[in-house]
Structures are given as structure tokens and as C-alpha cells.
Amino acid sequence: QDQLALPASLFLDELRSSGYDGHLEASTASKVVTILRYVTGVASLDSYQIEVGKVGRPGIVIDDLNAALTKAIDELTRPIDAIKHQAKTVTVGISRTDETLLQSVLAKAALAAGTPRDRLSYRGLRTLAALDASVIEITGWTRYRIEGDVTQDATIQVIDRGGIASGIASRTDTDPSLRGGKHRAAFEKEITVGLGSDGRSVIHVPEVKDSQTTGLTLLHCRFHDRLDTPAIRAVMQGYRGRYGALKDAVTESHPSFRDDILSTIDVVELLTSPVYVLAEHWTA
């Protein structure tokens, strides 16, 4: 982002001063400006799919920027090689970040279960990577298709399953209504750790296309009982901002927050219990 700030600013200044009039197509300029908003951090990557139609992973956004700049350069009477060069300097590093996230144990498990790669958001991939350290093993998976509006009366049905899930009857076999933890994950479009009705710990992985949740992959996981303080802090920081939320809940009525207490609490409890309940470990 820092590397692109100056060339992006120069491009936008020239655009505002009508310097590209007669040389740059309006649609091309609009596309460059739109993508620059995401590359420079002005807009959140979570909105990229809604506005552009693609999952907003950094590597994809940079590729789109390079393509838009190439088209712009072809249209201009004078090149803007400086901007293109700056964009390319960060492409390799960001693409590697994408690939690193896709190599996380949980991300690979979701993809192996059949989750389409383009239905996993960048935010979701980061969350799965953060949760990796909390999981001992993945014991099974269930994939669901979701039909209808998740804010109304959407339905859900099993389309595939494997591992331990092969021998577990699903409530949706007899009642296809989308509700409970599955509904919450689908509605929020967020990776969600939860406990099934049978007490098994699971991770809900929503599949999102064009801002609509179209499916859900349920990963049956065995979590560590405890983690050392640095490890569990990192997990909670990467999981839906849970560390910050817990710290705020504690310091609302307590003068300080001791990180070391995290290592004395069950991992699943830390990831699933309401933060105001967890706060009692610090304030009791």
C-alpha cells in the first residue's frame, strides 16, 4: 500500500484535473480508480466481490490492477509506467501471501471437501489460517447446499460428507430449515467455531457468491485442550477480533487484562463462549 500511495495520488490528481480527457476511456478510468481504492486500503477487501464481482484476495486485486493499468496505458498518449511498475513490485509478495493462506491445514481441508476456491473470501482464509494452531486434527466434514434468502426462510441440505461425519445423522435430513449455528454463520458470512447439538466441536465455513451464502462446509475438528499464552493470543487475534473483544469486556470493570490467564482456559471455551462470560475468569 505504501509503495502505491504516491503513484496512485499522482494518477488521481491528473484525473481530477482532466489531464486524461480525450485519451482515457471513462470505463477504464473508473475501473482503475475502483481497484486503487482497494489496493491502497481506502476500501475493505470484504466489499470487493460486491463491487467488482470477484473474491477480494490481495493477489486477485493486484492482478486486476495490473490488467486495468495495462489497458489504460494502451489508451493514453503518454504512458504511466511509474504506476504500473510500482504495482508490479508488490504483486509477487502479495501473490505468495495468497498461496500461503491456501496452504493452511483448515483451508486445504475445506477445499478438499469441495468448497469452491472462489467462494472463500480473503477474510475467511485469514481466519482459517489463524485457527490452524488451535486444531489437533480434522476428523470429518459435511457440505451443505443453501437455497433461498438466509434472512428469510432459507433451506439447507447435505450434498456430501466424509470421515466421522459419514456415520452421523444430520438434523437437516428431516428438517431442512436453516437455523441455529449454521444459520448464524451463513447470515454473518463468517468462519464460525461452534458446538454441534451432539457436543462435537465444529468449524462452519460459509461459501459466498455475489454477497449471497450459497453453501456451508462443516469441518469436524478436535481442538487442543489448552495452548500457551502466545499461541492462544494469536489464535484469538485472528478469529473475528475475539481477543480485543474479550480484553474490552474485562477492562470494562477491571483495571487490567492478564494475557497469561488465557492459557488456563479451554480453547473451545475461549472460541465459543460469550466474551462477557469469559470475562468472569479475570474478574472473579
C-alpha atoms as a PDB file:
ATOM      1  CA  GLN A   1       0.000   0.000   0.000  1.00  0.00           C
ATOM      2  CA  ASP A   2       2.760   2.470   0.913  1.00  0.00           C
ATOM      3  CA  GLN A   3       4.560   1.804  -2.368  1.00  0.00           C
ATOM      4  CA  LEU A   4       1.448   2.610  -4.367  1.00  0.00           C
ATOM      5  CA  ALA A   5       0.316   5.653  -2.394  1.00  0.00           C
ATOM      6  CA  LEU A   6       2.366   8.235  -4.315  1.00  0.00           C
ATOM      7  CA  PRO A   7       1.776   6.977  -7.884  1.00  0.00           C
ATOM      8  CA  ALA A   8      -1.916   6.472  -7.079  1.00  0.00           C
ATOM      9  CA  SER A   9      -2.141  10.035  -5.784  1.00  0.00           C
ATOM     10  CA  LEU A  10      -0.434  11.395  -8.911  1.00  0.00           C
ATOM     11  CA  PHE A  11      -2.809   9.455 -11.150  1.00  0.00           C
ATOM     12  CA  LEU A  12      -5.884  10.676  -9.271  1.00  0.00           C
ATOM     13  CA  ASP A  13      -4.641  14.282  -9.274  1.00  0.00           C
ATOM     14  CA  GLU A  14      -4.160  14.142 -13.042  1.00  0.00           C
ATOM     15  CA  LEU A  15      -7.582  12.559 -13.467  1.00  0.00           C
ATOM     16  CA  ARG A  16      -9.269  15.247 -11.352  1.00  0.00           C
ATOM     17  CA  SER A  17      -7.567  17.985 -13.349  1.00  0.00           C
ATOM     18  CA  SER A  18      -8.965  16.489 -16.597  1.00  0.00           C
ATOM     19  CA  GLY A  19      -5.467  15.609 -17.764  1.00  0.00           C
ATOM     20  CA  TYR A  20      -6.616  12.346 -19.321  1.00  0.00           C
ATOM     21  CA  ASP A  21      -9.654  13.750 -21.133  1.00  0.00           C
ATOM     22  CA  GLY A  22      -9.743  12.588 -24.734  1.00  0.00           C
ATOM     23  CA  HIS A  23      -7.153   9.910 -24.078  1.00  0.00           C
ATOM     24  CA  LEU A  24      -8.570   7.586 -21.425  1.00  0.00           C
ATOM     25  CA  GLU A  25     -11.959   5.903 -21.741  1.00  0.00           C
ATOM     26  CA  ALA A  26     -14.331   6.678 -18.877  1.00  0.00           C
ATOM     27  CA  SER A  27     -14.881   2.976 -18.167  1.00  0.00           C
ATOM     28  CA  THR A  28     -11.131   2.369 -17.970  1.00  0.00           C
ATOM     29  CA  ALA A  29     -10.554   5.302 -15.641  1.00  0.00           C
ATOM     30  CA  SER A  30     -13.440   4.166 -13.457  1.00  0.00           C
ATOM     31  CA  LYS A  31     -12.023   0.648 -13.191  1.00  0.00           C
ATOM     32  CA  VAL A  32      -8.541   1.879 -12.276  1.00  0.00           C
ATOM     33  CA  VAL A  33      -9.951   4.214  -9.628  1.00  0.00           C
ATOM     34  CA  THR A  34     -12.174   1.491  -8.190  1.00  0.00           C
ATOM     35  CA  ILE A  35      -9.344  -1.016  -7.845  1.00  0.00           C
ATOM     36  CA  LEU A  36      -6.936   1.602  -6.481  1.00  0.00           C
ATOM     37  CA  ARG A  37      -9.374   2.211  -3.619  1.00  0.00           C
ATOM     38  CA  TYR A  38      -8.891  -1.397  -2.534  1.00  0.00           C
ATOM     39  CA  VAL A  39      -5.164  -1.633  -3.229  1.00  0.00           C
ATOM     40  CA  THR A  40      -4.414   1.500  -1.201  1.00  0.00           C
ATOM     41  CA  GLY A  41      -6.632   0.408   1.693  1.00  0.00           C
ATOM     42  CA  VAL A  42      -9.309   3.075   1.293  1.00  0.00           C
ATOM     43  CA  ALA A  43     -11.933   0.353   0.828  1.00  0.00           C
ATOM     44  CA  SER A  44     -12.136  -3.004   2.607  1.00  0.00           C
ATOM     45  CA  LEU A  45     -11.360  -6.140   0.604  1.00  0.00           C
ATOM     46  CA  ASP A  46     -14.527  -7.660   2.042  1.00  0.00           C
ATOM     47  CA  SER A  47     -16.544  -5.407  -0.308  1.00  0.00           C
ATOM     48  CA  TYR A  48     -14.530  -6.239  -3.430  1.00  0.00           C
ATOM     49  CA  GLN A  49     -16.745  -9.113  -4.546  1.00  0.00           C
ATOM     50  CA  ILE A  50     -19.882  -6.994  -4.234  1.00  0.00           C
ATOM     51  CA  GLU A  51     -18.436  -4.144  -6.306  1.00  0.00           C
ATOM     52  CA  VAL A  52     -16.212  -5.977  -8.787  1.00  0.00           C
ATOM     53  CA  GLY A  53     -17.641  -9.494  -8.844  1.00  0.00           C
ATOM     54  CA  LYS A  54     -14.545 -11.369  -7.675  1.00  0.00           C
ATOM     55  CA  VAL A  55     -13.379 -12.587  -4.283  1.00  0.00           C
ATOM     56  CA  GLY A  56     -11.148  -9.853  -2.864  1.00  0.00           C
ATOM     57  CA  ARG A  57      -7.914 -11.712  -2.191  1.00  0.00           C
ATOM     58  CA  PRO A  58      -4.841  -9.445  -2.462  1.00  0.00           C
ATOM     59  CA  GLY A  59      -3.299 -11.375  -5.350  1.00  0.00           C
ATOM     60  CA  ILE A  60      -6.514 -11.161  -7.370  1.00  0.00           C
ATOM     61  CA  VAL A  61      -6.880  -7.436  -6.699  1.00  0.00           C
ATOM     62  CA  ILE A  62      -3.296  -6.745  -7.777  1.00  0.00           C
ATOM     63  CA  ASP A  63      -3.766  -8.836 -10.930  1.00  0.00           C
ATOM     64  CA  ASP A  64      -6.905  -6.828 -11.704  1.00  0.00           C
ATOM     65  CA  LEU A  65      -4.999  -3.589 -11.133  1.00  0.00           C
ATOM     66  CA  ASN A  66      -2.217  -4.663 -13.480  1.00  0.00           C
ATOM     67  CA  ALA A  67      -4.782  -5.554 -16.147  1.00  0.00           C
ATOM     68  CA  ALA A  68      -6.591  -2.229 -15.716  1.00  0.00           C
ATOM     69  CA  LEU A  69      -3.333  -0.265 -15.855  1.00  0.00           C
ATOM     70  CA  THR A  70      -2.204  -2.128 -18.969  1.00  0.00           C
ATOM     71  CA  LYS A  71      -5.459  -1.196 -20.695  1.00  0.00           C
ATOM     72  CA  ALA A  72      -5.120   2.397 -19.510  1.00  0.00           C
ATOM     73  CA  ILE A  73      -1.563   2.619 -20.816  1.00  0.00           C
ATOM     74  CA  ASP A  74      -2.695   1.381 -24.218  1.00  0.00           C
ATOM     75  CA  GLU A  75      -5.252   4.194 -24.349  1.00  0.00           C
ATOM     76  CA  LEU A  76      -3.059   7.030 -23.145  1.00  0.00           C
ATOM     77  CA  THR A  77      -0.880   9.127 -25.402  1.00  0.00           C
ATOM     78  CA  ARG A  78       1.728   9.191 -22.661  1.00  0.00           C
ATOM     79  CA  PRO A  79       2.457   6.127 -20.504  1.00  0.00           C
ATOM     80  CA  ILE A  80       2.060   5.891 -16.762  1.00  0.00           C
ATOM     81  CA  ASP A  81       4.817   3.312 -16.396  1.00  0.00           C
ATOM     82  CA  ALA A  82       5.705   4.557 -12.932  1.00  0.00           C
ATOM     83  CA  ILE A  83       2.337   3.458 -11.558  1.00  0.00           C
ATOM     84  CA  LYS A  84       2.479   0.126 -13.361  1.00  0.00           C
ATOM     85  CA  HIS A  85       5.997  -0.509 -12.101  1.00  0.00           C
ATOM     86  CA  GLN A  86       5.003   0.249  -8.513  1.00  0.00           C
ATOM     87  CA  ALA A  87       2.057  -2.143  -8.764  1.00  0.00           C
ATOM     88  CA  LYS A  88       4.251  -4.930 -10.077  1.00  0.00           C
ATOM     89  CA  THR A  89       6.773  -4.543  -7.258  1.00  0.00           C
ATOM     90  CA  VAL A  90       4.190  -5.755  -4.757  1.00  0.00           C
ATOM     91  CA  THR A  91       2.489  -8.384  -6.937  1.00  0.00           C
ATOM     92  CA  VAL A  92       4.899 -11.225  -6.225  1.00  0.00           C
ATOM     93  CA  GLY A  93       4.857 -10.773  -2.465  1.00  0.00           C
ATOM     94  CA  ILE A  94       1.082 -10.494  -2.257  1.00  0.00           C
ATOM     95  CA  SER A  95       0.520 -13.489  -4.529  1.00  0.00           C
ATOM     96  CA  ARG A  96       2.742 -15.517  -2.228  1.00  0.00           C
ATOM     97  CA  THR A  97       0.608 -14.391   0.720  1.00  0.00           C
ATOM     98  CA  ASP A  98      -2.466 -15.734  -1.078  1.00  0.00           C
ATOM     99  CA  GLU A  99      -0.788 -19.080  -1.656  1.00  0.00           C
ATOM    100  CA  THR A 100       0.389 -19.251   1.958  1.00  0.00           C
ATOM    101  CA  LEU A 101      -3.170 -18.799   3.205  1.00  0.00           C
ATOM    102  CA  LEU A 102      -4.396 -21.523   0.871  1.00  0.00           C
ATOM    103  CA  GLN A 103      -1.814 -23.892   2.347  1.00  0.00           C
ATOM    104  CA  SER A 104      -3.218 -23.675   5.873  1.00  0.00           C
ATOM    105  CA  VAL A 105      -4.454 -27.036   7.172  1.00  0.00           C
ATOM    106  CA  LEU A 106      -8.043 -25.870   7.592  1.00  0.00           C
ATOM    107  CA  ALA A 107      -8.179 -24.110   4.214  1.00  0.00           C
ATOM    108  CA  LYS A 108      -6.874 -27.226   2.473  1.00  0.00           C
ATOM    109  CA  ALA A 109      -9.436 -29.343   4.332  1.00  0.00           C
ATOM    110  CA  ALA A 110     -12.286 -27.076   3.233  1.00  0.00           C
ATOM    111  CA  LEU A 111     -11.091 -27.132  -0.372  1.00  0.00           C
ATOM    112  CA  ALA A 112     -10.605 -30.911  -0.283  1.00  0.00           C
ATOM    113  CA  ALA A 113     -14.168 -31.267   0.990  1.00  0.00           C
ATOM    114  CA  GLY A 114     -15.362 -29.490  -2.145  1.00  0.00           C
ATOM    115  CA  THR A 115     -15.604 -25.845  -1.142  1.00  0.00           C
ATOM    116  CA  PRO A 116     -15.022 -23.826  -4.343  1.00  0.00           C
ATOM    117  CA  ARG A 117     -11.909 -21.700  -4.071  1.00  0.00           C
ATOM    118  CA  ASP A 118     -13.728 -18.624  -5.348  1.00  0.00           C
ATOM    119  CA  ARG A 119     -16.348 -18.919  -2.585  1.00  0.00           C
ATOM    120  CA  LEU A 120     -13.775 -18.422   0.187  1.00  0.00           C
ATOM    121  CA  SER A 121     -13.134 -14.761   0.965  1.00  0.00           C
ATOM    122  CA  TYR A 122      -9.713 -13.401   1.835  1.00  0.00           C
ATOM    123  CA  ARG A 123     -11.024 -12.630   5.314  1.00  0.00           C
ATOM    124  CA  GLY A 124     -12.206 -16.225   5.644  1.00  0.00           C
ATOM    125  CA  LEU A 125      -8.849 -17.616   4.562  1.00  0.00           C
ATOM    126  CA  ARG A 126      -7.054 -15.445   7.110  1.00  0.00           C
ATOM    127  CA  THR A 127      -9.400 -16.673   9.828  1.00  0.00           C
ATOM    128  CA  LEU A 128      -8.840 -20.324   8.922  1.00  0.00           C
ATOM    129  CA  ALA A 129      -5.074 -19.783   8.951  1.00  0.00           C
ATOM    130  CA  ALA A 130      -5.302 -18.198  12.403  1.00  0.00           C
ATOM    131  CA  LEU A 131      -7.358 -21.123  13.729  1.00  0.00           C
ATOM    132  CA  ASP A 132      -4.857 -23.723  12.481  1.00  0.00           C
ATOM    133  CA  ALA A 133      -2.842 -23.646  15.708  1.00  0.00           C
ATOM    134  CA  SER A 134      -5.909 -24.467  17.802  1.00  0.00           C
ATOM    135  CA  VAL A 135      -6.804 -27.680  15.959  1.00  0.00           C
ATOM    136  CA  ILE A 136      -5.205 -31.079  16.575  1.00  0.00           C
ATOM    137  CA  GLU A 137      -6.945 -32.854  13.715  1.00  0.00           C
ATOM    138  CA  ILE A 138      -9.887 -32.696  11.345  1.00  0.00           C
ATOM    139  CA  THR A 139     -11.976 -35.814  11.810  1.00  0.00           C
ATOM    140  CA  GLY A 140     -14.647 -35.299   9.168  1.00  0.00           C
ATOM    141  CA  TRP A 141     -16.658 -32.865   7.097  1.00  0.00           C
ATOM    142  CA  THR A 142     -20.140 -32.197   5.774  1.00  0.00           C
ATOM    143  CA  ARG A 143     -21.026 -29.971   2.837  1.00  0.00           C
ATOM    144  CA  TYR A 144     -24.412 -28.323   2.598  1.00  0.00           C
ATOM    145  CA  ARG A 145     -26.262 -26.501  -0.140  1.00  0.00           C
ATOM    146  CA  ILE A 146     -28.210 -23.446   0.981  1.00  0.00           C
ATOM    147  CA  GLU A 147     -31.185 -22.282  -1.034  1.00  0.00           C
ATOM    148  CA  GLY A 148     -33.141 -19.100  -0.523  1.00  0.00           C
ATOM    149  CA  ASP A 149     -32.550 -15.898   1.381  1.00  0.00           C
ATOM    150  CA  VAL A 150     -30.728 -16.531   4.672  1.00  0.00           C
ATOM    151  CA  THR A 151     -32.548 -13.547   6.180  1.00  0.00           C
ATOM    152  CA  GLN A 152     -35.878 -15.224   5.474  1.00  0.00           C
ATOM    153  CA  ASP A 153     -36.780 -18.911   5.195  1.00  0.00           C
ATOM    154  CA  ALA A 154     -33.701 -20.443   3.597  1.00  0.00           C
ATOM    155  CA  THR A 155     -33.290 -24.209   3.475  1.00  0.00           C
ATOM    156  CA  ILE A 156     -30.210 -26.383   3.797  1.00  0.00           C
ATOM    157  CA  GLN A 157     -29.446 -29.904   2.636  1.00  0.00           C
ATOM    158  CA  VAL A 158     -26.465 -32.250   2.770  1.00  0.00           C
ATOM    159  CA  ILE A 159     -24.719 -32.747  -0.573  1.00  0.00           C
ATOM    160  CA  ASP A 160     -21.646 -34.649   0.592  1.00  0.00           C
ATOM    161  CA  ARG A 161     -19.859 -35.839   3.716  1.00  0.00           C
ATOM    162  CA  GLY A 162     -16.747 -37.713   4.754  1.00  0.00           C
ATOM    163  CA  GLY A 163     -14.760 -39.030   7.700  1.00  0.00           C
ATOM    164  CA  ILE A 164     -16.585 -39.227  11.011  1.00  0.00           C
ATOM    165  CA  ALA A 165     -19.486 -37.271   9.509  1.00  0.00           C
ATOM    166  CA  SER A 166     -20.363 -40.233   7.281  1.00  0.00           C
ATOM    167  CA  GLY A 167     -21.834 -42.021  10.272  1.00  0.00           C
ATOM    168  CA  ILE A 168     -23.612 -39.047  11.826  1.00  0.00           C
ATOM    169  CA  ALA A 169     -27.262 -38.394  11.027  1.00  0.00           C
ATOM    170  CA  SER A 170     -27.981 -34.783  10.143  1.00  0.00           C
ATOM    171  CA  ARG A 171     -30.945 -32.893  11.538  1.00  0.00           C
ATOM    172  CA  THR A 172     -31.377 -31.426   8.065  1.00  0.00           C
ATOM    173  CA  ASP A 173     -32.262 -34.881   6.704  1.00  0.00           C
ATOM    174  CA  THR A 174     -35.697 -34.493   8.290  1.00  0.00           C
ATOM    175  CA  ASP A 175     -35.855 -30.737   8.866  1.00  0.00           C
ATOM    176  CA  PRO A 176     -34.249 -28.692   6.063  1.00  0.00           C
ATOM    177  CA  SER A 177     -34.802 -25.294   7.684  1.00  0.00           C
ATOM    178  CA  LEU A 178     -31.637 -23.236   8.099  1.00  0.00           C
ATOM    179  CA  ARG A 179     -31.317 -22.392  11.780  1.00  0.00           C
ATOM    180  CA  GLY A 180     -29.011 -22.450  14.785  1.00  0.00           C
ATOM    181  CA  GLY A 181     -25.261 -22.165  14.359  1.00  0.00           C
ATOM    182  CA  LYS A 182     -25.448 -22.891  10.639  1.00  0.00           C
ATOM    183  CA  HIS A 183     -27.852 -20.004  10.146  1.00  0.00           C
ATOM    184  CA  ARG A 184     -25.662 -17.666  12.173  1.00  0.00           C
ATOM    185  CA  ALA A 185     -22.552 -18.499  10.128  1.00  0.00           C
ATOM    186  CA  ALA A 186     -24.467 -18.218   6.846  1.00  0.00           C
ATOM    187  CA  PHE A 187     -26.104 -14.940   7.857  1.00  0.00           C
ATOM    188  CA  GLU A 188     -22.875 -13.323   9.062  1.00  0.00           C
ATOM    189  CA  LYS A 189     -20.817 -14.882   6.224  1.00  0.00           C
ATOM    190  CA  GLU A 190     -18.078 -15.514   8.780  1.00  0.00           C
ATOM    191  CA  ILE A 191     -15.970 -18.536   9.708  1.00  0.00           C
ATOM    192  CA  THR A 192     -17.522 -19.668  12.986  1.00  0.00           C
ATOM    193  CA  VAL A 193     -16.361 -22.142  15.628  1.00  0.00           C
ATOM    194  CA  GLY A 194     -19.256 -23.865  17.335  1.00  0.00           C
ATOM    195  CA  LEU A 195     -20.549 -26.870  19.198  1.00  0.00           C
ATOM    196  CA  GLY A 196     -22.988 -29.197  17.486  1.00  0.00           C
ATOM    197  CA  SER A 197     -26.168 -30.430  19.140  1.00  0.00           C
ATOM    198  CA  ASP A 198     -24.237 -33.611  19.988  1.00  0.00           C
ATOM    199  CA  GLY A 199     -21.444 -31.638  21.667  1.00  0.00           C
ATOM    200  CA  ARG A 200     -18.905 -32.107  18.876  1.00  0.00           C
ATOM    201  CA  SER A 201     -16.715 -29.118  18.084  1.00  0.00           C
ATOM    202  CA  VAL A 202     -17.014 -27.861  14.513  1.00  0.00           C
ATOM    203  CA  ILE A 203     -15.954 -25.013  12.262  1.00  0.00           C
ATOM    204  CA  HIS A 204     -18.578 -23.534   9.937  1.00  0.00           C
ATOM    205  CA  VAL A 205     -17.137 -22.359   6.615  1.00  0.00           C
ATOM    206  CA  PRO A 206     -19.707 -20.359   4.609  1.00  0.00           C
ATOM    207  CA  GLU A 207     -19.491 -20.325   0.814  1.00  0.00           C
ATOM    208  CA  VAL A 208     -20.334 -16.890  -0.554  1.00  0.00           C
ATOM    209  CA  LYS A 209     -21.002 -15.771  -4.116  1.00  0.00           C
ATOM    210  CA  ASP A 210     -22.085 -12.253  -5.067  1.00  0.00           C
ATOM    211  CA  SER A 211     -22.726 -11.452  -1.391  1.00  0.00           C
ATOM    212  CA  GLN A 212     -25.108 -14.428  -1.063  1.00  0.00           C
ATOM    213  CA  THR A 213     -24.336 -17.503   1.055  1.00  0.00           C
ATOM    214  CA  THR A 214     -24.868 -20.469  -1.256  1.00  0.00           C
ATOM    215  CA  GLY A 215     -23.402 -23.262   0.831  1.00  0.00           C
ATOM    216  CA  LEU A 216     -21.680 -24.274   4.027  1.00  0.00           C
ATOM    217  CA  THR A 217     -18.842 -26.666   4.790  1.00  0.00           C
ATOM    218  CA  LEU A 218     -18.807 -28.056   8.309  1.00  0.00           C
ATOM    219  CA  LEU A 219     -15.386 -29.249   9.486  1.00  0.00           C
ATOM    220  CA  HIS A 220     -15.479 -31.636  12.451  1.00  0.00           C
ATOM    221  CA  CYS A 221     -12.380 -30.822  14.486  1.00  0.00           C
ATOM    222  CA  ARG A 222     -10.581 -31.952  17.596  1.00  0.00           C
ATOM    223  CA  PHE A 223      -9.156 -28.928  19.366  1.00  0.00           C
ATOM    224  CA  HIS A 224      -6.279 -28.652  21.808  1.00  0.00           C
ATOM    225  CA  ASP A 225      -7.390 -28.535  25.429  1.00  0.00           C
ATOM    226  CA  ARG A 226      -5.025 -25.641  26.173  1.00  0.00           C
ATOM    227  CA  LEU A 227      -2.437 -23.559  24.334  1.00  0.00           C
ATOM    228  CA  ASP A 228       0.407 -21.481  25.701  1.00  0.00           C
ATOM    229  CA  THR A 229      -0.239 -17.771  26.021  1.00  0.00           C
ATOM    230  CA  PRO A 230       1.422 -16.521  22.788  1.00  0.00           C
ATOM    231  CA  ALA A 231      -0.279 -19.220  20.708  1.00  0.00           C
ATOM    232  CA  ILE A 232      -3.814 -18.746  22.029  1.00  0.00           C
ATOM    233  CA  ARG A 233      -3.459 -14.963  21.888  1.00  0.00           C
ATOM    234  CA  ALA A 234      -2.531 -15.195  18.190  1.00  0.00           C
ATOM    235  CA  VAL A 235      -5.473 -17.521  17.522  1.00  0.00           C
ATOM    236  CA  MET A 236      -7.922 -15.167  19.208  1.00  0.00           C
ATOM    237  CA  GLN A 237      -6.492 -12.100  17.496  1.00  0.00           C
ATOM    238  CA  GLY A 238      -7.061 -13.773  14.137  1.00  0.00           C
ATOM    239  CA  TYR A 239     -10.508 -15.137  14.947  1.00  0.00           C
ATOM    240  CA  ARG A 240     -13.144 -12.440  14.498  1.00  0.00           C
ATOM    241  CA  GLY A 241     -11.316  -9.924  16.698  1.00  0.00           C
ATOM    242  CA  ARG A 242     -12.112 -12.052  19.721  1.00  0.00           C
ATOM    243  CA  TYR A 243      -9.008 -11.122  21.697  1.00  0.00           C
ATOM    244  CA  GLY A 244      -9.812  -7.415  21.522  1.00  0.00           C
ATOM    245  CA  ALA A 245     -13.469  -8.023  22.379  1.00  0.00           C
ATOM    246  CA  LEU A 246     -12.531 -10.098  25.429  1.00  0.00           C
ATOM    247  CA  LYS A 247      -9.975  -7.556  26.587  1.00  0.00           C
ATOM    248  CA  ASP A 248     -12.577  -4.794  26.322  1.00  0.00           C
ATOM    249  CA  ALA A 249     -15.108  -6.876  28.269  1.00  0.00           C
ATOM    250  CA  VAL A 250     -12.597  -7.450  31.071  1.00  0.00           C
ATOM    251  CA  THR A 251     -11.276  -3.894  31.312  1.00  0.00           C
ATOM    252  CA  GLU A 252     -14.811  -2.501  31.356  1.00  0.00           C
ATOM    253  CA  SER A 253     -14.888  -3.321  35.070  1.00  0.00           C
ATOM    254  CA  HIS A 254     -11.322  -4.432  35.827  1.00  0.00           C
ATOM    255  CA  PRO A 255      -8.175  -2.275  35.758  1.00  0.00           C
ATOM    256  CA  SER A 256      -6.014  -4.660  33.723  1.00  0.00           C
ATOM    257  CA  PHE A 257      -6.041  -7.668  31.416  1.00  0.00           C
ATOM    258  CA  ARG A 258      -3.631 -10.527  32.121  1.00  0.00           C
ATOM    259  CA  ASP A 259      -2.772 -12.492  28.989  1.00  0.00           C
ATOM    260  CA  ASP A 260      -1.425 -15.436  30.990  1.00  0.00           C
ATOM    261  CA  ILE A 261      -4.944 -16.364  32.123  1.00  0.00           C
ATOM    262  CA  LEU A 262      -5.749 -17.304  28.523  1.00  0.00           C
ATOM    263  CA  SER A 263      -3.543 -20.396  28.817  1.00  0.00           C
ATOM    264  CA  THR A 264      -5.602 -21.694  31.765  1.00  0.00           C
ATOM    265  CA  ILE A 265      -8.907 -21.808  29.855  1.00  0.00           C
ATOM    266  CA  ASP A 266     -10.111 -24.482  27.424  1.00  0.00           C
ATOM    267  CA  VAL A 267      -9.508 -23.463  23.818  1.00  0.00           C
ATOM    268  CA  VAL A 268     -13.040 -24.340  22.688  1.00  0.00           C
ATOM    269  CA  GLU A 269     -14.472 -22.283  25.539  1.00  0.00           C
ATOM    270  CA  LEU A 270     -12.350 -19.299  24.521  1.00  0.00           C
ATOM    271  CA  LEU A 271     -13.597 -19.571  20.941  1.00  0.00           C
ATOM    272  CA  THR A 272     -17.279 -20.205  21.608  1.00  0.00           C
ATOM    273  CA  SER A 273     -18.396 -18.736  24.941  1.00  0.00           C
ATOM    274  CA  PRO A 274     -19.754 -15.166  25.052  1.00  0.00           C
ATOM    275  CA  VAL A 275     -16.972 -12.750  25.974  1.00  0.00           C
ATOM    276  CA  TYR A 276     -18.894 -11.413  28.964  1.00  0.00           C
ATOM    277  CA  VAL A 277     -18.967 -14.966  30.356  1.00  0.00           C
ATOM    278  CA  LEU A 278     -15.250 -15.454  29.681  1.00  0.00           C
ATOM    279  CA  ALA A 279     -14.530 -12.146  31.412  1.00  0.00           C
ATOM    280  CA  GLU A 280     -15.501 -13.748  34.718  1.00  0.00           C
ATOM    281  CA  HIS A 281     -12.177 -15.638  34.678  1.00  0.00           C
ATOM    282  CA  TRP A 282     -10.449 -12.268  35.148  1.00  0.00           C
ATOM    283  CA  THR A 283     -12.906 -10.542  37.431  1.00  0.00           C
ATOM    284  CA  ALA A 284     -13.877 -13.371  39.795  1.00  0.00           C
END
